[in-house]
Protein backbone atom coordinates (compact mmCIF):
# COMPACT_ATOMS: atom_id res chain seq x y z
CA MET A 1 0.00 0.00 0.00
CA LYS A 2 2.85 2.40 0.68
CA PHE A 3 4.15 1.80 -2.81
CA LEU A 4 0.70 2.46 -4.19
CA ARG A 5 0.40 5.78 -2.34
CA PHE A 6 3.82 6.86 -3.67
CA GLU A 7 2.76 5.95 -7.20
CA ILE A 8 -0.41 8.06 -6.91
CA ARG A 9 1.52 11.07 -5.62
CA ALA A 10 4.05 10.73 -8.45
CA ILE A 11 1.27 10.64 -11.04
CA ARG A 12 -0.36 13.70 -9.47
CA ARG A 13 2.89 15.66 -9.59
CA GLU A 14 3.44 14.72 -13.23
CA ARG A 15 -0.13 15.71 -14.13
CA LEU A 16 0.23 19.03 -12.28
CA GLN A 17 3.40 19.82 -14.22
CA TYR A 18 1.72 18.88 -17.49
CA ASP A 19 -1.34 21.03 -16.70
CA LYS A 20 0.89 24.04 -15.94
CA PHE A 21 2.77 23.62 -19.21
CA ALA A 22 -0.50 23.19 -21.14
CA LEU A 23 -1.87 26.38 -19.57
CA VAL A 24 1.27 28.37 -20.43
CA SER A 25 1.25 26.97 -23.98
CA ASP A 26 -2.39 27.91 -24.44
CA ILE A 27 -1.82 31.49 -23.23
CA TRP A 28 1.32 31.79 -25.38
CA ASN A 29 -0.41 30.48 -28.51
CA ARG A 30 -3.32 32.90 -28.02
CA PHE A 31 -0.89 35.78 -27.57
CA ILE A 32 0.98 34.94 -30.80
CA TYR A 33 -2.30 34.48 -32.69
CA ASN A 34 -3.44 37.96 -31.61
CA CYS A 35 -0.04 39.37 -32.64
CA LYS A 36 -0.52 38.02 -36.15
CA ILE A 37 -4.09 39.24 -36.69
CA CYS A 38 -3.75 42.68 -35.08
CA TYR A 39 -0.94 44.13 -37.16
CA VAL A 40 -0.02 44.25 -40.86
CA PRO A 41 3.80 44.52 -41.18
CA GLY A 42 5.66 46.72 -43.63
CA GLU A 43 8.30 45.48 -46.02
CA ASN A 44 10.98 44.98 -43.33
CA ILE A 45 10.77 42.16 -40.79
CA THR A 46 13.52 41.50 -38.25
CA VAL A 47 14.17 38.05 -36.79
CA ASP A 48 16.05 37.54 -33.54
CA GLU A 49 16.19 35.31 -30.47
CA GLN A 50 15.52 36.24 -26.86
CA LEU A 51 16.18 34.47 -23.58
CA PHE A 52 14.11 35.31 -20.52
CA PRO A 53 15.23 34.20 -17.04
CA THR A 54 12.65 31.91 -15.49
CA LYS A 55 12.47 29.22 -12.82
CA VAL A 56 10.83 26.76 -15.23
CA ARG A 57 13.70 26.90 -17.69
CA ARG A 58 11.76 27.98 -20.76
CA SER A 59 13.16 30.31 -23.42
CA TYR A 60 11.12 32.70 -25.53
CA THR A 61 11.93 34.61 -28.58
CA LYS A 62 10.72 39.84 -32.06
CA SER A 63 10.70 43.14 -33.75
CA LYS A 64 9.42 46.36 -32.19
CA TYR A 65 6.04 44.76 -32.66
CA VAL A 66 6.13 41.01 -32.10
CA LEU A 67 4.63 39.32 -35.17
CA ASN A 68 5.44 35.69 -34.50
CA ALA A 69 7.39 33.64 -31.97
CA PHE A 70 7.82 30.15 -30.61
CA SER A 71 9.58 28.61 -27.64
CA TYR A 72 12.72 26.58 -28.26
CA LEU A 73 12.84 23.57 -25.97
CA GLY A 74 15.87 21.80 -27.40
CA LYS A 75 16.35 19.36 -30.27
CA ASP A 76 13.40 19.33 -32.66
CA GLU A 77 12.82 15.94 -34.26
CA THR A 78 10.53 17.52 -36.88
CA ARG A 79 13.22 19.81 -38.31
CA PRO A 80 14.11 18.78 -41.90
CA GLN A 81 17.60 17.32 -42.21
CA ASP A 82 18.53 19.75 -44.99
CA GLN A 83 17.92 22.76 -42.73
CA THR A 84 20.27 24.10 -40.11
CA LEU A 85 18.76 25.30 -36.84
CA SER A 86 19.04 28.98 -37.81
CA GLU A 87 17.46 28.33 -41.23
CA ASN A 88 14.59 26.41 -39.67
CA VAL A 89 13.95 29.15 -37.10
CA VAL A 90 13.80 31.86 -39.77
CA LEU A 91 11.60 29.85 -42.13
CA ARG A 92 9.17 28.93 -39.35
CA LEU A 93 8.88 32.50 -38.08
CA LEU A 94 8.52 33.99 -41.56
CA GLU A 95 6.12 31.35 -42.90
CA PRO A 96 3.00 33.57 -42.52
CA PHE A 97 4.75 36.49 -44.26
CA THR A 98 6.78 34.97 -47.12
CA LYS A 99 5.73 35.12 -50.78
CA LYS A 100 4.65 38.71 -50.16
CA GLY A 101 7.79 40.58 -51.16
CA LYS A 102 9.06 41.06 -47.60
CA ASN A 103 12.61 41.71 -46.49
CA ASP A 104 14.17 39.80 -43.60
CA ASN A 105 17.11 40.86 -41.42
CA PHE A 106 18.86 37.92 -39.77
CA PHE A 107 22.19 36.20 -39.16
CA ALA A 108 22.56 35.31 -42.80
CA SER A 109 23.90 32.50 -44.94
CA VAL A 110 23.92 32.04 -48.71
CA LYS A 111 21.89 28.84 -48.39
CA LEU A 112 19.18 30.60 -46.37
CA ALA A 113 19.21 33.56 -48.78
CA GLU A 114 18.58 31.24 -51.71
CA LYS A 115 15.69 29.51 -49.92
CA LEU A 116 14.09 32.85 -49.03
CA ALA A 117 14.53 34.09 -52.60
CA LYS A 118 12.34 31.20 -53.79
CA LEU A 119 9.69 32.51 -51.36
CA ASN A 120 9.92 36.02 -52.85
CA THR A 121 11.65 37.26 -49.69
CA THR A 122 14.94 39.15 -49.64
CA ILE A 123 17.47 39.24 -46.81
CA VAL A 124 19.89 41.79 -45.39
CA GLY A 125 21.76 40.42 -42.42
CA THR A 126 25.04 40.12 -40.60
CA MET A 127 27.05 37.06 -41.57
CA ASN A 128 29.31 35.02 -39.33
CA ARG A 129 32.83 34.96 -40.74
CA SER A 130 33.22 31.31 -39.70
CA ARG A 131 30.68 30.12 -42.29
CA ARG A 132 32.13 27.91 -45.00
CA GLU A 133 30.93 30.10 -47.87
CA VAL A 134 32.94 33.08 -46.60
CA PRO A 135 36.21 33.26 -48.60
CA GLU A 136 39.37 32.58 -46.59
CA LEU A 137 40.77 35.92 -47.70
CA VAL A 138 37.88 37.70 -45.97
CA LYS A 139 38.27 35.64 -42.79
CA SER A 140 41.91 36.55 -42.38
CA SER A 141 42.03 40.07 -43.84
CA ARG A 142 42.00 43.25 -41.78
CA GLY A 143 42.00 46.31 -44.02
CA ASP A 144 42.39 49.99 -43.39
CA LEU A 145 39.86 51.86 -41.24
CA TYR A 146 36.56 52.65 -43.06
CA GLU A 147 37.39 50.44 -46.01
CA THR A 148 34.74 48.49 -47.96
CA VAL A 149 35.12 45.35 -50.06
CA LEU A 150 32.21 43.99 -52.12
CA LEU A 151 31.88 40.37 -53.24
CA LYS A 152 29.19 38.63 -55.30
CA THR A 153 28.12 35.01 -55.62
CA ASP A 154 28.62 33.30 -58.96
CA ASN A 155 25.02 33.88 -60.00
CA ASP A 156 25.11 37.53 -58.79
CA ASN A 157 22.11 36.90 -56.52
CA CYS A 158 23.93 37.81 -53.28
CA ILE A 159 26.21 40.69 -52.39
CA LEU A 160 28.60 40.39 -49.46
CA THR A 161 29.71 43.71 -47.99
CA VAL A 162 32.90 43.60 -45.90
CA TYR A 163 33.07 46.88 -44.00
CA GLN A 164 36.11 47.76 -41.91
CA ALA A 165 34.51 49.90 -39.16
CA LYS A 166 37.15 49.48 -36.44
CA PRO A 167 40.82 48.44 -36.32
CA ASN A 168 41.11 44.63 -36.41
CA LYS A 169 37.36 44.24 -36.79
CA ASN A 170 35.23 44.17 -39.92
CA VAL A 171 31.52 43.57 -40.41
CA LEU A 172 30.08 41.14 -42.97
CA LEU A 173 26.63 41.89 -44.41
CA LEU A 174 24.87 39.59 -46.87
CA SER A 175 22.15 41.09 -49.07
CA THR A 176 19.81 39.83 -51.79
CA LEU A 177 17.92 43.11 -51.72
CA HIS A 178 20.69 45.23 -53.24
CA THR A 179 21.82 44.69 -56.83
CA SER A 180 24.63 47.20 -56.33
CA VAL A 181 26.08 49.04 -53.35
CA THR A 182 27.03 52.70 -53.18
CA ILE A 183 29.43 54.09 -50.59
CA ASN A 184 28.80 57.34 -48.74
CA THR A 185 32.01 59.26 -49.37
CA ASP A 186 30.64 62.50 -47.92
CA GLN A 187 31.11 61.25 -44.36
CA LYS A 188 34.29 60.27 -42.60
CA LYS A 189 33.20 56.67 -41.92
CA LYS A 190 32.28 56.09 -45.59
CA LYS A 191 29.52 53.63 -44.75
CA PRO A 192 28.26 51.47 -47.63
CA GLU A 193 24.60 51.46 -48.55
CA THR A 194 24.00 47.99 -47.12
CA VAL A 195 25.32 49.00 -43.69
CA LEU A 196 23.15 52.13 -43.64
CA TYR A 197 20.10 50.10 -44.63
CA TYR A 198 20.78 47.48 -41.97
CA ASN A 199 21.19 50.13 -39.26
CA ASP A 200 17.93 51.81 -40.30
CA THR A 201 15.83 48.63 -40.23
CA LYS A 202 17.20 46.47 -37.40
CA TYR A 203 16.33 48.82 -34.53
CA GLY A 204 13.12 46.91 -33.81
CA VAL A 205 15.15 44.16 -32.18
CA ASP A 206 16.86 46.63 -29.84
CA VAL A 207 13.56 48.28 -28.90
CA ALA A 208 11.92 44.91 -28.17
CA ASP A 209 14.90 43.99 -25.99
CA GLN A 210 14.53 47.20 -24.00
CA MET A 211 10.80 46.69 -23.56
CA ALA A 212 11.24 43.07 -22.46
CA ARG A 213 13.86 44.02 -19.85
CA LYS A 214 11.34 46.27 -18.09
CA TYR A 215 9.47 43.18 -16.94
CA THR A 216 10.65 40.01 -15.27
CA VAL A 217 9.40 36.45 -14.93
CA LYS A 218 11.66 35.72 -11.97
CA ALA A 219 9.96 34.44 -8.87
CA SER A 220 9.72 37.03 -6.12
CA SER A 221 11.98 36.36 -3.16
């Protein structure tokens, strides 16, 4: 009988945890649904990730207005094998908005850019220099201050802007939106068009971060 009582308590605890998660999921899904139906986005959509501190160890993901989001709970068995995690995240979040001539700002790759192009969606995003498609010369080079190097893929669908903004540090921006890139020579920093565009359209992420930090999900002490 003691064993039986322990088994009942264990089942109750498991059911309580499940009910709490189901309640949170239901509230979250309703929130995201309302986000989608209450706002029509412009041509620029920014994708980013967000971690919120919480006792239940859940992570939640933005733009100045949150259009879509989902919680990442670890390895996803449903993710297609031909998609990296970052590609899958972007494609899932943008699914309601692709094929409508939108522009996405994200941590870019040529493979993701090509997939988005098939969905009539362009991309302007920072690119990690460690990616395989980045030429070795770009990975190792450190040019003069405020210097810009432009590279194109073989089919001319993507432009890679390498902008030397600080000593020993350059920024890589991948774009399928721009067919050519002009450089602002009137200012000292000589910023290329792609960098100016990225700075003008990515601020939604920063604003959403600031707004999220005003609230906390930590348990009160």
